[in-house]
Protein backbone atom coordinates (compact mmCIF):
# COMPACT_ATOMS: atom_id res chain seq x y z
CA MET A 1 -0.20 0.08 -0.18
CA ARG A 2 2.82 2.44 0.86
CA LEU A 3 4.74 2.15 -2.29
CA ASN A 4 1.35 2.77 -4.27
CA PHE A 5 0.80 5.98 -2.05
CA LYS A 6 4.31 6.96 -2.67
CA ASN A 7 3.38 6.20 -6.45
CA VAL A 8 0.34 7.92 -6.60
CA MET A 9 1.53 11.36 -4.99
CA LEU A 10 4.75 11.33 -7.43
CA MET A 11 1.96 10.99 -9.93
CA VAL A 12 0.82 14.47 -8.60
CA VAL A 13 3.58 15.87 -8.31
CA VAL A 14 4.44 15.44 -11.93
CA LEU A 15 1.08 16.38 -13.05
CA THR A 16 0.95 19.85 -11.59
CA THR A 17 4.27 20.54 -12.74
CA THR A 18 3.56 19.37 -16.34
CA ALA A 19 0.18 21.21 -16.35
CA CYS A 20 2.19 24.24 -14.17
CA GLU A 21 4.01 23.89 -18.56
CA PHE A 22 0.90 24.00 -20.39
CA SER A 23 -0.13 26.92 -18.38
CA LEU A 24 2.92 29.40 -19.96
CA ASN A 25 1.29 32.34 -22.25
CA THR A 26 1.14 31.59 -25.93
CA PRO A 27 3.04 33.87 -28.14
CA GLU A 28 0.79 36.28 -29.30
CA GLU A 29 0.24 36.99 -25.43
CA TYR A 30 3.45 37.19 -24.62
CA PHE A 31 3.99 39.92 -27.79
CA ASP A 32 0.30 41.33 -26.78
CA ARG A 33 1.11 42.52 -23.40
CA VAL A 34 4.82 42.98 -23.56
CA ALA A 35 5.71 44.99 -26.49
CA LEU A 36 1.79 45.97 -28.03
CA ASN A 37 0.61 47.53 -25.22
CA THR A 38 3.28 50.05 -25.43
CA ASN A 39 1.76 51.94 -28.11
CA SER A 40 0.01 53.45 -25.26
CA ILE A 41 2.83 54.87 -24.56
CA SER A 42 4.95 55.59 -28.12
CA ARG A 43 3.31 59.52 -27.23
CA PHE A 44 5.93 60.51 -24.79
CA GLY A 45 7.77 64.25 -24.02
CA GLY A 46 6.44 67.45 -25.89
CA GLU A 47 4.51 64.51 -27.76
CA TYR A 48 2.30 62.98 -24.97
CA PHE A 49 1.28 67.29 -24.30
CA LYS A 50 0.20 67.63 -28.06
CA THR A 51 -2.03 64.78 -27.99
CA TYR A 52 -3.90 65.85 -24.84
CA LEU A 53 -4.39 69.19 -26.15
CA LYS A 54 -5.50 67.36 -29.21
CA TYR A 55 -7.95 64.96 -27.03
CA ILE A 56 -9.23 68.02 -24.83
CA LYS A 57 -9.93 70.28 -27.96
CA GLY A 58 -11.84 67.55 -29.81
CA GLY A 59 -14.46 68.13 -26.48
CA VAL A 60 -13.85 65.06 -24.14
CA ASN A 61 -14.35 65.87 -20.55
CA THR A 62 -15.00 64.30 -17.76
CA PRO A 63 -14.75 64.25 -14.40
CA ASP A 64 -11.46 61.91 -14.32
CA PHE A 65 -10.35 63.84 -17.31
CA ASN A 66 -11.18 67.54 -16.80
CA THR A 67 -7.49 68.59 -16.10
CA CYS A 68 -4.22 67.73 -17.65
CA GLU A 69 -3.20 66.29 -13.93
CA LYS A 70 -6.07 63.95 -13.54
CA TYR A 71 -5.64 62.88 -16.94
CA LEU A 72 -2.24 61.89 -16.62
CA LYS A 73 -3.00 60.35 -13.76
CA ASN A 74 -6.23 58.27 -14.02
CA ASN A 75 -4.80 57.37 -17.88
CA SER A 76 -1.52 57.44 -18.39
CA ILE A 77 0.08 56.27 -15.10
CA ALA A 78 -2.95 54.24 -14.37
CA ARG A 79 -2.33 52.33 -17.79
CA VAL A 80 1.30 52.49 -17.36
CA GLU A 81 0.96 50.66 -13.61
CA GLN A 82 -1.59 48.37 -14.89
CA ASN A 83 0.32 47.06 -18.14
CA ILE A 84 3.86 46.47 -15.65
CA THR A 85 0.99 44.55 -13.21
CA LYS A 86 0.28 42.40 -16.36
CA ILE A 87 4.14 41.72 -17.97
CA LYS A 88 4.93 40.79 -14.61
CA ASP A 89 1.93 38.30 -13.87
CA MET A 90 3.33 36.25 -17.07
CA ARG A 91 5.87 33.46 -16.30
CA PRO A 92 8.85 34.94 -18.26
CA THR A 93 10.90 32.12 -20.46
CA LYS A 94 13.75 31.76 -22.03
CA LYS A 95 12.55 33.32 -24.92
CA THR A 96 10.26 35.74 -23.77
CA LYS A 97 12.80 37.64 -20.98
CA PRO A 98 14.45 39.73 -22.60
CA MET A 99 11.80 41.51 -24.23
CA ILE A 100 9.92 41.38 -20.81
CA ASP A 101 12.99 42.66 -19.31
CA ALA A 102 13.16 45.23 -21.98
CA ALA A 103 9.48 46.06 -21.65
CA LEU A 104 9.91 46.70 -17.74
CA ASP A 105 13.02 49.19 -18.14
CA LEU A 106 10.86 50.73 -20.38
CA TYR A 107 7.29 51.31 -18.55
CA ALA A 108 9.54 51.92 -15.41
CA PHE A 109 11.33 55.10 -16.88
CA VAL A 110 7.94 55.94 -18.28
CA LEU A 111 6.19 56.10 -14.76
CA LYS A 112 8.74 57.93 -14.04
CA SER A 113 8.86 60.38 -16.18
CA TYR A 114 5.42 60.60 -15.91
CA GLN A 115 5.36 61.17 -12.18
CA THR A 116 7.95 63.81 -11.82
CA ASP A 117 8.47 66.19 -15.12
CA HIS A 118 4.84 65.31 -17.07
CA LEU A 119 3.29 66.21 -13.90
CA LYS A 120 4.80 69.11 -13.24
CA ILE A 121 3.93 70.52 -17.19
CA ALA A 122 0.13 69.18 -16.40
CA LYS A 123 0.13 71.54 -13.43
CA MET A 124 1.47 74.00 -15.53
CA ILE A 125 -1.19 73.36 -18.21
CA ASP A 126 -3.88 73.59 -15.79
CA GLU A 127 -2.73 76.50 -13.80
CA ARG A 128 -2.57 78.10 -17.13
CA ALA A 129 0.78 78.99 -16.73
CA PRO A 130 2.30 81.26 -20.13
CA GLU A 131 2.50 79.32 -22.94
CA SER A 132 6.36 80.28 -23.06
CA GLU A 133 7.12 78.48 -19.64
CA ILE A 134 4.87 75.69 -20.92
CA SER A 135 7.16 74.90 -24.08
CA LYS A 136 10.45 75.80 -21.84
CA ALA A 137 9.41 72.91 -19.56
CA ILE A 138 8.23 70.31 -22.20
CA THR A 139 11.47 71.29 -24.49
CA GLU A 140 13.53 70.94 -20.56
CA MET A 141 12.00 67.77 -20.19
CA ASP A 142 12.33 65.99 -24.37
CA ASN A 143 15.96 67.45 -23.72
CA LYS A 144 16.88 65.28 -20.66
CA SER A 145 14.93 62.27 -21.21
CA TYR A 146 13.79 61.82 -24.74
CA ASP A 147 16.36 60.49 -25.84
CA ALA A 148 16.54 57.95 -23.67
CA PHE A 149 12.61 56.96 -23.99
CA VAL A 150 13.75 56.09 -28.01
CA GLN A 151 16.60 54.23 -26.90
CA LYS A 152 14.54 51.87 -24.12
CA TYR A 153 11.41 51.71 -26.27
CA ASN A 154 13.76 50.72 -29.90
CA LYS A 155 15.71 48.31 -28.26
CA LEU A 156 12.26 46.32 -26.36
CA TRP A 157 10.89 46.95 -30.44
CA ASP A 158 14.06 45.19 -31.84
CA ILE A 159 13.64 42.11 -29.64
CA ALA A 160 9.90 41.66 -29.78
CA ASP A 161 10.15 42.43 -34.36
CA VAL A 162 12.61 39.25 -33.60
CA TYR A 163 10.64 37.51 -31.47
CA ALA A 164 7.13 38.36 -33.48
CA LYS A 165 8.96 37.34 -36.69
CA ASP A 166 10.21 33.54 -34.28
CA ASN A 167 6.23 32.53 -33.93
CA GLY A 168 4.84 33.95 -37.06
CA ILE A 169 3.44 36.64 -35.44
CA GLU A 170 2.13 39.60 -37.87
CA VAL A 171 3.28 43.11 -37.00
CA LYS A 172 2.17 46.08 -38.67
CA LYS A 173 4.13 49.53 -38.21
CA MET A 174 2.70 52.14 -36.73
CA PRO A 175 2.77 55.63 -39.00
CA PHE A 176 4.73 57.57 -36.70
């Protein structure tokens, strides 16, 4: 009887281990969560504020987004934090780890900028600071961080493009 119990326990352990292997995400899920979702942060720095102003001028005005600061916090920062959580919830594999690491590096960089430099400018916009002061702050922010953003973004997409090609995922390039 003991031998059978040990065999049963061994089978349970083996089945549990293999079941975990089968619960890995599909290549498409990895690509979508890790790389494709970065499209939401592709407008960074000065481009972020140009997009925001078009959005507001388009007449969208809800209590959660009726100021630039609220829009930044309730939309952009919240989305970055959600995307980080979604990525961290994925189980990295040998093939996905470089892409995941590059995405987390990019998101951490963007989140920090959103919470500091972007937030400072959002408050300036809400307080109706002179246009020249806002433009100066945006230029300073872009000079400080835009090149690093582009480098991190491109690094992720260089890895993601290879991953997509290796896994038969069709990627359509954005027109910007």
